[in-house]
Amino acid sequence: MKVIKGMLFSTLLALASVSGTAFAEDTGAYAGLNLGIGKPDINTPNGEDKQSSAVGGIVLGYKFNPYLAVEGQYTGIGKVTDNVSGSAKGDAASLAVLGILPLNENFSLYGKLGVAATKTTVSSSLSPMNDATRTGVTYGLGAEYNLNKSIGLRVGWDHYNASIEDAANHEKNVNANVATIGAVYHF
């Protein structure tokens, strides 16, 4: 895991050092919507009856040059349901740097590294779990295909750190993986 984080960080630093003056036309703000599947790694007292769920999110970003962007995102990270004790649902707000590798005029790959604040909400008073928040590292990979200069289609995978509290208020750290498809509009 440390190797992957180190490689992502090194790639982002290398891409950030590339001058953006020659690519001034490939800069600016963008916004988008994502839909996907979130899978949090939460074990409920009676075992999971359902461990992944449909999630949605919004993205706001700014592209400095063809190789570097910064992006804020709010997204669901999934829901775990235990039919006896209720459910736990997570959401995340993140800020990340994107290193972008353009493969041609229309297609690019990206890696992202940033920080996310997650909130896990428990829906039943019978559950021995409690709501919790956590701030931690987030990272992801994805691809974008530009239909034209304004509209791009994305597919991505993001990893989030979250937590949940047990009945004795002991925090347990958990992970969540989110796979999405979406669209972005470049202003």
Protein backbone atom coordinates (compact mmCIF):
# COMPACT_ATOMS: atom_id res chain seq x y z
CA MET A 1 0.00 0.00 0.00
CA LYS A 2 2.84 2.40 0.87
CA VAL A 3 4.42 1.66 -2.51
CA ILE A 4 1.20 2.61 -4.35
CA LYS A 5 0.83 5.83 -2.34
CA GLY A 6 4.50 6.67 -3.00
CA MET A 7 4.11 6.03 -6.73
CA LEU A 8 0.96 8.18 -6.90
CA PHE A 9 2.66 11.00 -4.99
CA SER A 10 5.76 10.83 -7.21
CA THR A 11 3.64 10.86 -10.35
CA LEU A 12 1.64 13.85 -9.12
CA LEU A 13 4.83 15.76 -8.29
CA ALA A 14 6.34 15.01 -11.70
CA LEU A 15 3.18 16.10 -13.50
CA ALA A 16 2.93 19.24 -11.38
CA SER A 17 6.39 20.29 -12.51
CA VAL A 18 5.33 20.34 -16.17
CA SER A 19 4.72 23.90 -17.36
CA GLY A 20 1.14 24.73 -18.28
CA THR A 21 1.85 27.80 -20.41
CA ALA A 22 1.87 25.86 -23.69
CA PHE A 23 -1.51 24.33 -22.89
CA ALA A 24 -3.45 27.43 -21.82
CA GLU A 25 -6.51 26.35 -23.82
CA ASP A 26 -6.77 23.14 -21.77
CA THR A 27 -7.46 24.78 -18.41
CA GLY A 28 -10.45 25.88 -16.39
CA ALA A 29 -13.23 24.87 -14.07
CA TYR A 30 -15.41 21.80 -14.40
CA ALA A 31 -18.35 20.19 -12.60
CA GLY A 32 -19.85 16.74 -12.79
CA LEU A 33 -22.08 14.00 -11.44
CA ASN A 34 -21.19 10.40 -10.57
CA LEU A 35 -23.23 7.25 -10.05
CA GLY A 36 -21.83 3.99 -8.84
CA ILE A 37 -21.49 1.26 -6.25
CA GLY A 38 -20.00 1.80 -2.80
CA LYS A 39 -18.73 -1.06 -0.66
CA PRO A 40 -17.80 -0.21 2.94
CA ASP A 41 -15.92 -2.82 4.97
CA ILE A 42 -18.28 -2.73 7.98
CA ASN A 43 -19.22 -5.91 9.84
CA THR A 44 -22.58 -5.74 11.56
CA PRO A 45 -23.36 -7.81 14.69
CA ASN A 46 -25.53 -10.33 12.84
CA GLY A 47 -23.56 -10.40 9.60
CA GLU A 48 -24.33 -8.31 6.55
CA ASP A 49 -27.51 -8.92 4.67
CA LYS A 50 -26.37 -6.39 2.07
CA GLN A 51 -22.89 -4.88 1.87
CA SER A 52 -22.87 -2.57 -1.13
CA SER A 53 -25.24 0.01 -2.45
CA ALA A 54 -25.86 2.53 -5.16
CA VAL A 55 -24.17 5.86 -4.50
CA GLY A 56 -24.17 9.26 -6.14
CA GLY A 57 -21.88 12.23 -5.96
CA ILE A 58 -20.95 15.65 -7.27
CA VAL A 59 -17.55 16.86 -8.43
CA LEU A 60 -16.17 20.39 -8.72
CA GLY A 61 -12.67 20.92 -10.04
CA TYR A 62 -10.14 23.17 -11.69
CA LYS A 63 -7.70 22.01 -14.36
CA PHE A 64 -4.44 24.00 -14.27
CA ASN A 65 -2.99 22.37 -17.41
CA PRO A 66 -3.44 19.06 -19.28
CA TYR A 67 -1.54 17.23 -16.51
CA LEU A 68 -2.74 18.69 -13.21
CA ALA A 69 -6.10 19.44 -11.58
CA VAL A 70 -7.56 19.89 -8.12
CA GLU A 71 -10.96 18.44 -7.34
CA GLY A 72 -13.53 18.56 -4.56
CA GLN A 73 -16.07 15.78 -4.32
CA TYR A 74 -19.05 14.85 -2.17
CA THR A 75 -20.17 11.24 -2.53
CA GLY A 76 -21.82 8.33 -0.82
CA ILE A 77 -19.45 5.50 0.09
CA GLY A 78 -22.04 2.78 0.59
CA LYS A 79 -24.42 1.21 3.06
CA VAL A 80 -24.36 -1.98 5.09
CA THR A 81 -27.71 -3.43 6.15
CA ASP A 82 -28.29 -5.88 8.99
CA ASN A 83 -31.97 -6.85 8.97
CA VAL A 84 -31.96 -7.40 12.76
CA SER A 85 -30.05 -4.31 13.95
CA GLY A 86 -30.52 -1.71 11.20
CA SER A 87 -27.98 -0.18 8.84
CA ALA A 88 -24.88 1.98 8.62
CA LYS A 89 -24.44 4.45 5.73
CA GLY A 90 -21.36 6.48 4.86
CA ASP A 91 -20.71 9.74 3.00
CA ALA A 92 -17.44 11.51 2.19
CA ALA A 93 -16.33 15.03 1.30
CA SER A 94 -12.87 15.11 -0.28
CA LEU A 95 -10.27 17.42 -1.76
CA ALA A 96 -7.70 15.82 -4.06
CA VAL A 97 -4.95 16.59 -6.56
CA LEU A 98 -5.29 14.80 -9.90
CA GLY A 99 -2.31 13.80 -11.99
CA ILE A 100 -3.55 13.41 -15.57
CA LEU A 101 -1.93 11.43 -18.38
CA PRO A 102 -3.44 12.44 -21.76
CA LEU A 103 -3.20 9.51 -24.20
CA ASN A 104 -4.67 11.45 -27.13
CA GLU A 105 -6.95 14.47 -27.67
CA ASN A 106 -10.02 12.67 -26.34
CA PHE A 107 -8.79 10.08 -23.83
CA SER A 108 -6.83 10.44 -20.59
CA LEU A 109 -6.04 8.49 -17.45
CA TYR A 110 -5.84 10.03 -13.99
CA GLY A 111 -4.67 9.22 -10.50
CA LYS A 112 -5.73 11.19 -7.47
CA LEU A 113 -4.48 11.68 -3.97
CA GLY A 114 -6.06 13.80 -1.28
CA VAL A 115 -7.85 14.01 2.03
CA ALA A 116 -11.45 13.03 2.83
CA ALA A 117 -13.74 13.57 5.79
CA THR A 118 -16.16 10.67 6.13
CA LYS A 119 -19.31 10.40 8.23
CA THR A 120 -20.92 7.07 9.04
CA THR A 121 -24.53 7.22 10.21
CA VAL A 122 -26.28 4.35 11.99
CA SER A 123 -30.05 4.13 11.46
CA SER A 124 -31.26 1.96 14.33
CA SER A 125 -31.29 2.48 18.08
CA LEU A 126 -31.11 -1.32 18.51
CA SER A 127 -27.69 -1.45 16.87
CA PRO A 128 -24.56 -1.75 19.02
CA MET A 129 -22.89 0.66 16.55
CA ASN A 130 -22.81 4.46 16.77
CA ASP A 131 -22.28 7.31 14.30
CA ALA A 132 -18.65 8.30 13.69
CA THR A 133 -16.52 10.67 11.61
CA ARG A 134 -12.97 10.28 10.33
CA THR A 135 -10.53 12.32 8.30
CA GLY A 136 -7.97 10.39 6.29
CA VAL A 137 -6.18 9.87 3.00
CA THR A 138 -8.18 9.13 -0.13
CA TYR A 139 -6.85 7.98 -3.47
CA GLY A 140 -8.20 6.73 -6.75
CA LEU A 141 -7.70 5.92 -10.41
CA GLY A 142 -9.82 6.61 -13.43
CA ALA A 143 -10.19 7.44 -17.09
CA GLU A 144 -11.96 10.23 -18.96
CA TYR A 145 -13.17 10.25 -22.55
CA ASN A 146 -13.98 13.71 -23.94
CA LEU A 147 -16.94 13.70 -26.31
CA ASN A 148 -16.06 17.30 -27.22
CA LYS A 149 -14.29 20.28 -25.57
CA SER A 150 -17.05 20.66 -22.99
CA ILE A 151 -18.33 17.18 -22.07
CA GLY A 152 -16.34 14.25 -20.74
CA LEU A 153 -17.40 10.78 -19.60
CA ARG A 154 -15.59 9.21 -16.66
CA VAL A 155 -15.10 5.84 -15.04
CA GLY A 156 -13.28 5.72 -11.71
CA TRP A 157 -12.40 3.91 -8.51
CA ASP A 158 -11.84 5.69 -5.18
CA HIS A 159 -10.70 4.40 -1.79
CA TYR A 160 -11.83 6.07 1.45
CA ASN A 161 -10.99 5.60 5.13
CA ALA A 162 -14.01 5.66 7.44
CA SER A 163 -14.85 4.59 10.98
CA ILE A 164 -17.68 3.34 13.15
CA GLU A 165 -18.04 3.30 16.94
CA ASP A 166 -19.13 0.26 18.92
CA ALA A 167 -21.48 0.36 21.91
CA ALA A 168 -18.55 1.17 24.25
CA ASN A 169 -17.59 4.18 22.05
CA HIS A 170 -14.45 2.48 20.76
CA GLU A 171 -13.73 3.67 17.25
CA LYS A 172 -13.10 1.01 14.61
CA ASN A 173 -11.44 2.09 11.38
CA VAL A 174 -12.92 0.69 8.18
CA ASN A 175 -12.29 1.11 4.46
CA ALA A 176 -14.68 1.78 1.61
CA ASN A 177 -14.20 1.35 -2.12
CA VAL A 178 -16.38 3.20 -4.60
CA ALA A 179 -16.60 2.45 -8.34
CA THR A 180 -18.35 5.12 -10.43
CA ILE A 181 -19.30 6.26 -13.88
CA GLY A 182 -20.08 9.89 -14.50
CA ALA A 183 -19.99 12.96 -16.68
CA VAL A 184 -18.17 16.26 -16.32
CA TYR A 185 -18.81 19.61 -17.96
CA HIS A 186 -15.74 21.77 -18.65
CA PHE A 187 -16.61 25.49 -18.53
